[in-house]
Amino acid sequence: MYDDMISVIIPVYNVENFLEKCIESVLEQSYKNLEIILVDDGSTDKSGKICDEYKMTDNRIKVIHKANGGLSDARNTGLKTARGKYYSFIDSDDYIASEMLQIMIDSIKRNHCEIAVCNMIRFFENGDHFVFYHPVDTEQILSGEERFLTLNQPSVCNKLFDSELFNNIKFPKGKYYEDTYIYHELLYQAKRVALTGKASYWYRARPDSIVGRKQYTNQYFDFIEAIYYRARFLESKNVQPYWIEACLSLYAAYANAEKNIEKSEDTRINFNQSRKKFIWAYNKIIKREMNIGMKQKIRLILLRYFPAIHSKIY
């Protein structure tokens, strides 16, 4: 029997109404050798106090209070402290099934994997819930290029990682879609990935908050950048066909930005940078004459040379 420590890193920011359920779900894990790192990212509500109160009840809990720096910065702070052989990341408004970590580490150990992935459940305040990430029903092991099948759900929250995968990888500070920026690199380093087939991570569907226009547009531009980095990385490693899929995803992301973001002086620089990334992907797809179908090719050409027409049609 093994008892490797799992470091559970939980960034905390203004979640006083949800935090206790999250922490309790970790304390109730059937796998007991845990290091629970609560990173209070400058909360202005009672979240920091709740963290401190839980620290007094269980010696596995560590609390770090820091100035607000965002989700990536909080996770990176947790990584600096973590001592476990394996890392788990949980968002503080979510919770996990009591057997999640046990199932994941069992699957990793039994199958000699570096990453384990569980199915995810989205739940609502009224009690409704459904499984929204469901790649398999029973355990399946991915190796070779098959392991990149999990790129369609890059969240780190429904996964368990060998800590060595993070030796030279950090979350990008100040970016949205932080997981999308790095998950392809983690996958590339891993030799084998275990899909547990168990729905163990409960993701809270919170009502859409009202955000400023700048924040809204930055989400679009960050997603384009994250997919661009993925495409460039996978192409450099010749990971077929996933770098081609990343190029097509980059097209879709840029098309959404063209359609939904108002052109202005504030967005001009970001649009120019994003357009350069799209043109890179366009050239890769068109010049290599990839087999993408005539309709898709027409859409690409329209977006490349006639973006206004593309936005009206699509």
Foldseek 3Di string as FASTA:
>chain_A
DDQFEEEEQEEDAQPVVQQVQAVVLVCLAPRHRYQYEYEDQQHPDCRLVVLVVVCVVDVSYDYHYDHHFDDQVSVVVSLVVDDTQKYAYAYRNWHWHNHLVVLQVCQCVVPVWFKEFEWEKEAEPVGDIDTDGQPDQAKDKDFDLRLCVCLVPQDRNRMMGRSVLCPPDGFDTPAPPSSLQPSLSSSVPIGMYMYHNHHIIYHYDDPDDDDDLVVVLRNLLRVLVSLLNNLVVCVVVVSPPVSLVSLLVSLVSLLCSLQPPDDDPVCVVSNVVSLVSNVVSLCVPVVVVDPDDDVSNVLSVCCNPPSVVSNVVD
